[in-house]
N, C-alpha and C. Protein backbone atom coordinates (compact mmCIF):
# COMPACT_ATOMS: atom_id res chain seq x y z
N MET A 1 202.61 250.99 -21.87
CA MET A 1 201.36 250.10 -22.25
C MET A 1 200.40 251.03 -22.98
N LYS A 2 199.55 251.53 -23.47
CA LYS A 2 198.65 251.89 -23.89
C LYS A 2 197.17 250.91 -23.80
N LEU A 3 196.56 251.29 -22.90
CA LEU A 3 195.20 250.03 -22.40
C LEU A 3 193.73 250.85 -22.13
N ASP A 4 192.97 250.38 -22.57
CA ASP A 4 191.92 250.61 -22.08
C ASP A 4 191.53 249.39 -21.54
N TRP A 5 190.21 250.19 -20.68
CA TRP A 5 189.90 249.22 -19.39
C TRP A 5 188.05 249.76 -19.83
N ILE A 6 187.47 248.23 -19.55
CA ILE A 6 185.82 248.21 -19.53
C ILE A 6 186.09 247.29 -18.25
N ASP A 7 184.78 247.55 -17.08
CA ASP A 7 184.71 246.68 -16.26
C ASP A 7 183.28 246.65 -16.29
N PHE A 8 183.14 245.14 -16.33
CA PHE A 8 181.32 244.49 -15.85
C PHE A 8 180.90 244.29 -15.12
N SER A 9 181.63 244.79 -13.83
CA SER A 9 180.90 244.69 -12.04
C SER A 9 179.71 245.49 -12.36
N THR A 10 179.43 246.63 -13.31
CA THR A 10 178.42 247.62 -12.50
C THR A 10 177.03 246.55 -13.67
N LEU A 11 177.60 245.92 -13.92
CA LEU A 11 176.22 244.91 -14.66
C LEU A 11 175.99 244.00 -13.79
N ASP A 12 176.26 243.67 -12.74
CA ASP A 12 176.47 242.42 -12.40
C ASP A 12 174.99 242.76 -11.55
N PRO A 13 174.29 241.96 -11.53
CA PRO A 13 172.75 242.46 -10.43
C PRO A 13 172.75 242.25 -9.40
N GLY A 14 174.12 241.49 -9.29
CA GLY A 14 173.66 241.08 -7.42
C GLY A 14 173.76 240.07 -6.95
N ARG A 15 172.25 239.70 -7.79
CA ARG A 15 171.87 238.72 -6.90
C ARG A 15 172.71 237.08 -7.55
N ASP A 16 172.24 236.12 -7.50
CA ASP A 16 172.80 234.38 -7.60
C ASP A 16 172.30 234.30 -8.70
N LEU A 17 172.14 234.95 -9.53
CA LEU A 17 171.92 234.59 -11.54
C LEU A 17 173.27 235.58 -12.11
N PRO A 18 173.83 234.51 -13.22
CA PRO A 18 174.37 235.33 -13.68
C PRO A 18 174.17 236.56 -14.79
N ALA A 19 174.81 237.32 -14.91
CA ALA A 19 174.01 238.58 -15.03
C ALA A 19 173.57 238.31 -17.03
N SER A 20 174.56 237.65 -17.56
CA SER A 20 173.73 237.54 -18.51
C SER A 20 172.18 236.52 -18.72
N TRP A 21 171.47 236.18 -17.97
CA TRP A 21 170.78 236.47 -17.64
C TRP A 21 169.35 236.85 -17.12
N THR A 22 170.73 238.26 -16.83
CA THR A 22 168.95 239.18 -16.43
C THR A 22 169.47 240.08 -17.43
N TYR A 23 169.82 239.97 -18.70
CA TYR A 23 170.10 241.52 -19.39
C TYR A 23 170.77 240.63 -20.72
N THR A 24 170.23 240.91 -21.81
CA THR A 24 170.23 240.23 -22.94
C THR A 24 171.63 240.46 -23.52
N ALA A 25 172.16 239.99 -24.19
CA ALA A 25 173.69 239.76 -25.01
C ALA A 25 173.95 241.21 -25.55
N ALA A 26 172.74 241.76 -26.73
CA ALA A 26 172.81 243.15 -26.86
C ALA A 26 173.12 243.84 -26.27
N GLU A 27 172.43 243.71 -24.80
CA GLU A 27 172.71 244.97 -23.97
C GLU A 27 173.99 244.87 -22.97
N THR A 28 175.01 243.72 -22.81
CA THR A 28 176.07 243.68 -22.11
C THR A 28 177.19 243.63 -23.24
N VAL A 29 177.14 244.51 -24.50
CA VAL A 29 178.16 244.70 -25.63
C VAL A 29 178.32 246.06 -26.15
N VAL A 30 179.87 246.45 -25.88
CA VAL A 30 179.93 247.58 -26.21
C VAL A 30 179.87 247.78 -27.63
N PRO A 31 179.44 248.63 -27.92
CA PRO A 31 179.25 248.79 -29.55
C PRO A 31 180.60 248.67 -30.51
N ALA A 32 180.73 247.61 -31.43
CA ALA A 32 181.82 247.61 -32.11
C ALA A 32 182.84 248.94 -32.62
N GLU A 33 182.41 249.70 -32.90
CA GLU A 33 182.57 251.18 -33.32
C GLU A 33 183.76 251.66 -32.13
N ALA A 34 182.73 251.52 -31.01
CA ALA A 34 183.27 252.29 -29.79
C ALA A 34 184.37 251.11 -29.33
N ILE A 35 184.82 249.94 -29.95
CA ILE A 35 185.78 249.52 -29.38
C ILE A 35 187.08 249.63 -30.42
N ALA A 36 186.43 250.03 -31.81
CA ALA A 36 187.18 250.17 -33.39
C ALA A 36 188.12 251.54 -32.48
N ARG A 37 187.32 253.03 -31.94
CA ARG A 37 188.19 253.90 -31.31
C ARG A 37 189.09 253.58 -30.27
N LYS A 38 189.23 252.47 -29.59
CA LYS A 38 190.12 252.33 -28.65
C LYS A 38 191.14 251.85 -29.60
N ARG A 39 192.34 252.62 -28.83
CA ARG A 39 193.68 252.64 -29.64
C ARG A 39 194.68 251.44 -28.96
N GLY A 40 194.58 250.58 -27.69
CA GLY A 40 195.33 250.13 -26.90
C GLY A 40 195.17 248.91 -26.86
N ALA A 41 195.94 247.92 -26.12
CA ALA A 41 195.05 247.10 -25.33
C ALA A 41 193.96 247.04 -24.91
N LEU A 42 193.49 245.76 -24.59
CA LEU A 42 191.70 246.09 -23.80
C LEU A 42 191.74 245.10 -22.64
N LEU A 43 191.63 245.82 -21.15
CA LEU A 43 191.46 245.04 -20.23
C LEU A 43 190.15 244.95 -19.99
N LEU A 44 189.50 243.56 -19.40
CA LEU A 44 188.12 243.54 -19.30
C LEU A 44 188.25 242.83 -17.86
N THR A 45 187.16 243.22 -16.57
CA THR A 45 187.55 243.08 -15.53
C THR A 45 185.94 242.68 -15.49
N MET A 46 185.70 241.43 -14.61
CA MET A 46 184.36 241.26 -13.85
C MET A 46 184.78 240.74 -12.14
N ARG A 47 183.41 241.62 -11.25
CA ARG A 47 183.74 240.90 -9.91
C ARG A 47 183.34 239.59 -10.13
N ARG A 48 183.13 238.78 -9.22
CA ARG A 48 182.38 237.49 -8.99
C ARG A 48 182.19 237.35 -7.82
N ASP A 49 180.84 237.04 -7.11
CA ASP A 49 181.08 236.88 -5.52
C ASP A 49 181.31 235.45 -5.61
N ALA A 50 181.31 234.17 -6.29
CA ALA A 50 181.72 233.08 -6.87
C ALA A 50 183.44 232.94 -6.04
N VAL A 51 184.12 234.10 -6.45
CA VAL A 51 185.67 233.89 -6.50
C VAL A 51 186.05 234.39 -4.69
N PRO A 52 186.79 234.12 -4.41
CA PRO A 52 187.43 234.37 -3.23
C PRO A 52 187.26 236.15 -2.84
N ALA A 53 187.38 236.84 -2.06
CA ALA A 53 186.92 238.08 -1.85
C ALA A 53 188.50 238.35 -2.16
N GLU A 54 189.76 238.39 -2.35
CA GLU A 54 190.88 238.64 -2.22
C GLU A 54 191.58 237.83 -3.65
N ALA A 55 190.79 237.28 -4.33
CA ALA A 55 191.52 236.75 -5.39
C ALA A 55 191.52 237.08 -6.91
N VAL A 56 191.98 237.17 -7.74
CA VAL A 56 192.19 237.40 -9.01
C VAL A 56 192.64 236.60 -9.86
N TYR A 57 192.23 236.31 -11.23
CA TYR A 57 192.23 235.09 -12.27
C TYR A 57 192.17 236.00 -12.83
N TRP A 58 193.31 235.44 -14.10
CA TRP A 58 193.26 235.69 -15.31
C TRP A 58 192.63 234.88 -16.37
N VAL A 59 192.00 235.03 -17.38
CA VAL A 59 191.24 234.20 -17.89
C VAL A 59 191.94 233.76 -19.41
N ARG A 60 191.90 232.89 -19.46
CA ARG A 60 192.79 231.71 -20.43
C ARG A 60 191.95 231.42 -21.79
N ASP A 61 190.79 231.15 -21.38
CA ASP A 61 190.34 231.05 -22.31
C ASP A 61 188.74 231.39 -22.19
N HIS A 62 187.84 230.76 -23.01
CA HIS A 62 186.36 231.03 -23.28
C HIS A 62 185.53 229.90 -24.16
N ILE A 63 184.35 229.57 -23.84
CA ILE A 63 183.99 228.64 -24.32
C ILE A 63 182.25 229.75 -24.90
N ASN A 64 181.85 229.85 -25.84
CA ASN A 64 180.51 230.20 -26.27
C ASN A 64 179.82 229.24 -26.34
N VAL A 65 178.43 228.85 -25.81
CA VAL A 65 177.44 228.44 -25.95
C VAL A 65 176.16 228.60 -25.82
N SER A 66 176.14 230.30 -25.62
CA SER A 66 174.73 230.85 -25.73
C SER A 66 174.35 230.94 -27.02
N GLY A 67 174.74 230.87 -28.04
CA GLY A 67 174.12 230.96 -29.27
C GLY A 67 174.18 232.32 -29.85
N TYR A 68 174.62 233.47 -29.38
CA TYR A 68 174.86 234.77 -29.88
C TYR A 68 176.39 234.73 -30.10
N ASN A 69 176.63 235.48 -30.97
CA ASN A 69 177.66 235.77 -31.38
C ASN A 69 177.80 237.32 -32.12
N PRO A 70 178.75 238.41 -31.35
CA PRO A 70 178.71 239.99 -31.25
C PRO A 70 178.86 240.19 -33.27
N LEU A 71 179.83 238.85 -33.97
CA LEU A 71 180.01 239.41 -35.65
C LEU A 71 178.89 238.87 -36.32
N ARG A 72 177.92 238.97 -35.76
CA ARG A 72 176.71 238.26 -37.01
C ARG A 72 176.12 239.66 -37.44
N GLY A 73 175.62 239.19 -38.91
CA GLY A 73 175.30 240.54 -39.58
C GLY A 73 176.49 240.74 -40.62
N HIS A 74 175.79 242.18 -41.42
CA HIS A 74 177.23 242.46 -42.29
C HIS A 74 178.20 243.02 -41.61
N ASN A 75 179.40 242.13 -42.09
CA ASN A 75 180.53 242.73 -41.96
C ASN A 75 181.46 244.17 -42.32
N GLU A 76 182.06 244.93 -41.53
CA GLU A 76 182.58 246.12 -41.83
C GLU A 76 184.07 246.01 -41.72
N GLU A 77 184.65 245.71 -43.32
CA GLU A 77 185.96 245.08 -43.41
C GLU A 77 187.24 246.37 -42.75
N ASP A 78 186.63 247.65 -42.58
CA ASP A 78 187.58 248.58 -41.64
C ASP A 78 187.79 247.82 -40.23
N HIS A 79 186.79 246.94 -39.91
CA HIS A 79 186.88 246.84 -38.45
C HIS A 79 187.53 245.79 -38.38
N GLY A 80 187.41 244.97 -39.18
CA GLY A 80 188.60 243.73 -38.78
C GLY A 80 187.85 242.38 -40.02
N VAL A 81 188.22 241.60 -39.66
CA VAL A 81 188.01 240.49 -40.68
C VAL A 81 187.04 239.58 -40.19
N ARG A 82 186.15 239.03 -40.91
CA ARG A 82 185.07 238.13 -40.53
C ARG A 82 185.10 237.26 -39.32
N PHE A 83 186.22 236.25 -39.74
CA PHE A 83 186.43 234.97 -38.80
C PHE A 83 187.58 235.47 -38.00
N PRO A 84 188.00 236.02 -36.94
CA PRO A 84 189.36 236.20 -36.67
C PRO A 84 189.80 235.10 -35.60
N ASP A 85 191.09 234.72 -35.73
CA ASP A 85 192.20 234.00 -35.21
C ASP A 85 191.48 233.88 -32.94
N MET A 86 190.72 232.75 -33.06
CA MET A 86 190.33 232.74 -31.56
C MET A 86 190.98 231.49 -30.84
N SER A 87 192.26 231.15 -31.21
CA SER A 87 192.78 229.75 -30.89
C SER A 87 193.36 230.37 -29.44
N HIS A 88 193.83 231.47 -29.76
CA HIS A 88 194.33 232.21 -28.00
C HIS A 88 194.15 233.43 -27.64
N PRO A 89 192.79 234.11 -26.89
CA PRO A 89 191.86 235.05 -27.59
C PRO A 89 193.02 235.96 -26.03
N TYR A 90 193.42 235.30 -25.34
CA TYR A 90 193.62 236.21 -24.39
C TYR A 90 195.48 236.11 -23.85
N ALA A 91 195.97 237.54 -23.47
CA ALA A 91 197.12 237.42 -22.91
C ALA A 91 197.25 237.84 -21.94
N CYS A 92 197.92 236.97 -20.86
CA CYS A 92 198.34 237.22 -19.80
C CYS A 92 198.79 238.21 -19.19
N PRO A 93 198.68 238.62 -18.08
CA PRO A 93 199.30 239.70 -17.25
C PRO A 93 200.29 239.24 -16.47
N PRO A 94 201.73 240.07 -16.93
CA PRO A 94 203.09 239.61 -16.35
C PRO A 94 203.15 239.16 -14.95
N ALA A 95 202.13 240.16 -13.73
CA ALA A 95 202.17 239.29 -12.57
C ALA A 95 201.08 237.98 -12.15
N LEU A 96 200.63 237.48 -13.37
CA LEU A 96 199.95 236.42 -13.43
C LEU A 96 200.42 235.35 -14.06
N CYS A 97 201.52 235.50 -14.96
CA CYS A 97 201.51 234.26 -15.80
C CYS A 97 202.12 232.97 -15.18
N GLY A 98 202.64 233.12 -13.90
CA GLY A 98 202.90 231.70 -13.42
C GLY A 98 201.94 230.68 -13.08
N GLU A 99 200.48 231.76 -12.77
CA GLU A 99 199.13 230.96 -12.50
C GLU A 99 198.54 230.20 -13.32
N GLU A 100 197.89 228.98 -13.09
CA GLU A 100 196.64 228.64 -14.32
C GLU A 100 196.19 229.71 -14.15
N GLY A 101 195.54 229.87 -15.51
CA GLY A 101 194.42 231.06 -15.90
C GLY A 101 193.02 230.05 -15.92
N ILE A 102 191.99 230.54 -15.79
CA ILE A 102 190.68 230.24 -15.72
C ILE A 102 189.70 229.96 -17.09
N LEU A 103 189.17 229.51 -17.34
CA LEU A 103 188.04 229.06 -18.21
C LEU A 103 186.67 229.82 -17.87
N ILE A 104 186.29 230.65 -18.72
CA ILE A 104 184.84 231.67 -18.26
C ILE A 104 183.69 230.71 -19.59
N ARG A 105 182.70 230.74 -19.30
CA ARG A 105 181.74 230.70 -20.10
C ARG A 105 180.69 231.47 -20.36
N ALA A 106 180.07 231.61 -22.37
CA ALA A 106 178.72 232.22 -22.17
C ALA A 106 177.46 231.77 -22.17
N GLY A 107 176.43 231.81 -21.79
CA GLY A 107 175.76 231.04 -21.68
C GLY A 107 175.83 229.17 -21.33
N GLN A 108 175.03 228.61 -21.41
CA GLN A 108 174.55 227.25 -20.37
C GLN A 108 174.05 226.22 -22.02
N ASN A 109 174.64 225.15 -22.01
CA ASN A 109 174.09 224.59 -22.08
C ASN A 109 173.43 222.73 -21.47
N PRO A 110 172.23 222.59 -20.98
CA PRO A 110 172.04 221.40 -20.45
C PRO A 110 172.74 220.03 -20.85
N GLU A 111 172.84 219.95 -21.74
CA GLU A 111 172.88 218.67 -22.48
C GLU A 111 174.69 218.42 -22.31
N HIS A 112 175.82 219.86 -22.22
CA HIS A 112 176.99 219.68 -22.73
C HIS A 112 177.46 220.80 -21.49
N PRO A 113 176.50 220.57 -19.96
CA PRO A 113 177.56 221.42 -19.29
C PRO A 113 178.77 221.63 -19.28
N VAL A 114 179.51 222.45 -18.75
CA VAL A 114 181.01 223.47 -18.70
C VAL A 114 180.52 223.84 -17.35
N GLU A 115 181.97 223.24 -16.51
CA GLU A 115 182.41 223.81 -15.71
C GLU A 115 183.40 224.90 -15.49
N ALA A 116 182.65 226.39 -15.36
CA ALA A 116 182.97 227.13 -15.98
C ALA A 116 182.62 228.35 -15.51
N ALA A 117 183.47 229.97 -14.90
CA ALA A 117 182.96 230.84 -15.01
C ALA A 117 181.68 231.13 -15.62
N GLU A 118 180.28 231.84 -15.50
CA GLU A 118 179.70 232.88 -16.19
C GLU A 118 180.64 234.06 -16.22
N ALA A 119 180.83 234.34 -17.47
CA ALA A 119 181.07 236.04 -18.00
C ALA A 119 180.81 236.33 -19.33
N ALA A 120 179.80 236.26 -19.84
CA ALA A 120 179.33 236.34 -21.16
C ALA A 120 179.64 237.59 -21.66
N GLU A 121 179.38 238.71 -20.63
CA GLU A 121 180.06 240.07 -21.38
C GLU A 121 181.45 239.87 -21.73
N ILE A 122 182.41 239.70 -21.08
CA ILE A 122 183.87 239.82 -21.19
C ILE A 122 183.83 239.09 -22.65
N VAL A 123 182.96 237.49 -23.03
CA VAL A 123 183.29 236.62 -23.94
C VAL A 123 182.94 237.35 -25.19
N TYR A 124 181.68 238.44 -24.96
CA TYR A 124 181.37 238.78 -26.56
C TYR A 124 182.35 239.82 -26.90
N GLN A 125 182.76 240.99 -26.07
CA GLN A 125 183.64 241.73 -26.06
C GLN A 125 184.92 241.58 -26.69
N THR A 126 185.42 239.84 -25.96
CA THR A 126 186.93 239.10 -26.67
C THR A 126 186.54 238.87 -28.26
N ILE A 127 185.51 238.51 -28.30
CA ILE A 127 185.26 238.17 -29.85
C ILE A 127 185.20 239.76 -30.88
N LEU A 128 184.68 240.76 -30.24
CA LEU A 128 184.53 241.72 -31.02
C LEU A 128 185.72 242.12 -31.16
N ALA A 129 186.86 242.46 -29.70
CA ALA A 129 188.49 242.86 -29.79
C ALA A 129 189.61 242.18 -30.96
N LYS A 130 189.69 241.18 -31.01
CA LYS A 130 189.86 239.78 -31.44
C LYS A 130 189.96 240.49 -33.23
N HIS A 131 188.21 240.51 -33.18
CA HIS A 131 187.67 240.88 -34.70
C HIS A 131 188.74 242.30 -35.06
N GLN A 132 189.18 242.83 -34.19
CA GLN A 132 189.72 244.12 -34.45
C GLN A 132 191.03 244.12 -34.58
N GLY A 133 191.33 243.13 -33.87
CA GLY A 133 193.17 242.87 -33.97
C GLY A 133 193.72 243.31 -32.59
N LYS A 134 192.96 243.42 -31.77
CA LYS A 134 193.68 243.91 -30.29
C LYS A 134 193.78 242.67 -28.85
N THR A 135 194.70 243.31 -28.27
CA THR A 135 195.19 242.38 -27.49
C THR A 135 194.60 242.31 -26.28
N VAL A 136 193.79 241.39 -25.81
CA VAL A 136 193.10 241.81 -24.79
C VAL A 136 193.30 240.87 -23.51
N TYR A 137 193.07 241.56 -22.23
CA TYR A 137 193.63 240.70 -21.29
C TYR A 137 192.15 241.00 -20.44
N ALA A 138 192.04 239.68 -19.67
CA ALA A 138 190.31 239.45 -18.41
C ALA A 138 190.92 239.30 -17.45
N LEU A 139 190.44 239.39 -16.43
CA LEU A 139 190.50 239.25 -15.34
C LEU A 139 189.39 238.89 -14.19
N ILE A 140 188.78 237.76 -13.68
CA ILE A 140 187.97 237.66 -13.00
C ILE A 140 188.49 238.10 -11.64
N CYS A 141 187.69 238.93 -10.55
CA CYS A 141 187.97 239.27 -9.81
C CYS A 141 187.12 239.72 -8.10
N GLY A 142 187.45 238.94 -6.59
CA GLY A 142 186.92 238.68 -5.87
C GLY A 142 186.65 240.33 -5.22
N SER A 143 185.49 239.95 -4.40
CA SER A 143 185.14 241.62 -4.22
C SER A 143 186.00 242.65 -3.39
N LYS A 144 187.02 242.63 -3.03
CA LYS A 144 188.02 243.43 -2.45
C LYS A 144 188.99 243.71 -3.31
N ILE A 145 189.07 243.43 -4.27
CA ILE A 145 190.24 243.97 -5.15
C ILE A 145 189.19 244.80 -5.60
N ASN A 146 190.42 246.27 -5.84
CA ASN A 146 190.17 247.30 -6.23
C ASN A 146 190.60 248.11 -7.64
N ALA A 147 190.30 248.88 -7.73
CA ALA A 147 190.85 249.43 -9.62
C ALA A 147 192.31 249.79 -9.41
N HIS A 148 192.94 250.09 -8.16
CA HIS A 148 194.69 250.17 -7.73
C HIS A 148 195.16 249.14 -8.00
N ASP A 149 194.77 247.50 -7.63
CA ASP A 149 195.17 246.55 -7.26
C ASP A 149 195.50 246.15 -8.73
N ILE A 150 193.90 245.77 -9.60
CA ILE A 150 194.04 245.55 -11.24
C ILE A 150 195.35 246.18 -11.92
N LEU A 151 195.14 247.70 -11.58
CA LEU A 151 196.48 248.62 -12.08
C LEU A 151 197.75 247.94 -12.16
N LYS A 152 198.18 247.30 -10.52
CA LYS A 152 198.97 246.93 -9.98
C LYS A 152 199.53 245.59 -11.20
N ILE A 153 198.50 244.67 -11.43
CA ILE A 153 198.79 243.57 -11.88
C ILE A 153 199.51 243.74 -13.14
N ILE A 154 198.26 244.44 -13.83
CA ILE A 154 198.38 244.58 -15.62
C ILE A 154 200.23 245.79 -15.12
N GLN A 155 200.43 245.87 -14.79
CA GLN A 155 202.08 246.67 -14.55
C GLN A 155 203.21 245.35 -14.33
N GLY A 156 202.69 244.44 -13.93
CA GLY A 156 203.78 243.54 -13.37
C GLY A 156 203.97 243.32 -12.11
N GLU A 157 202.85 243.92 -11.38
CA GLU A 157 203.29 243.76 -9.83
C GLU A 157 202.33 243.16 -9.02
N ASP A 158 202.85 242.80 -7.86
CA ASP A 158 202.40 241.91 -7.08
C ASP A 158 201.30 242.23 -6.88
N HIS A 159 199.97 242.18 -6.39
CA HIS A 159 199.22 243.29 -6.05
C HIS A 159 198.67 242.74 -4.61
N ALA A 160 199.34 241.83 -3.96
CA ALA A 160 199.11 241.49 -2.53
C ALA A 160 199.51 242.57 -1.47
């Protein structure tokens, strides 16, 4: 399987604030043209301090309450459709398909709180990738998970 990998762990400021509160949405999105040049499935990963150090969770769905959408503005038809199907935005990595996936979110709404991990960067990139018809895998990882572990998971092997 051809796979392009984007890791957002370097964007995490390492504080108690979610990265989306420190960076603007536009700063956390890889340009649509860069995603369009990627030819395979897309793997999006992020480390979160709130996740147990040796844990890996696959993302099953997201909620975007940020008020931001990377598809706003003029639509480049050669990149994809204006309103992509977001009913099943994430594929399950083979090694994790027996486990329940997690819900992530972009932004907060005090009137409608959502129990979900903050991962705005993944939400925005997924919207762009689905706009372009790509398969998206997304993983939220603990601090002790390394690149080798993630590759094993994507290849269908147990990472433990």
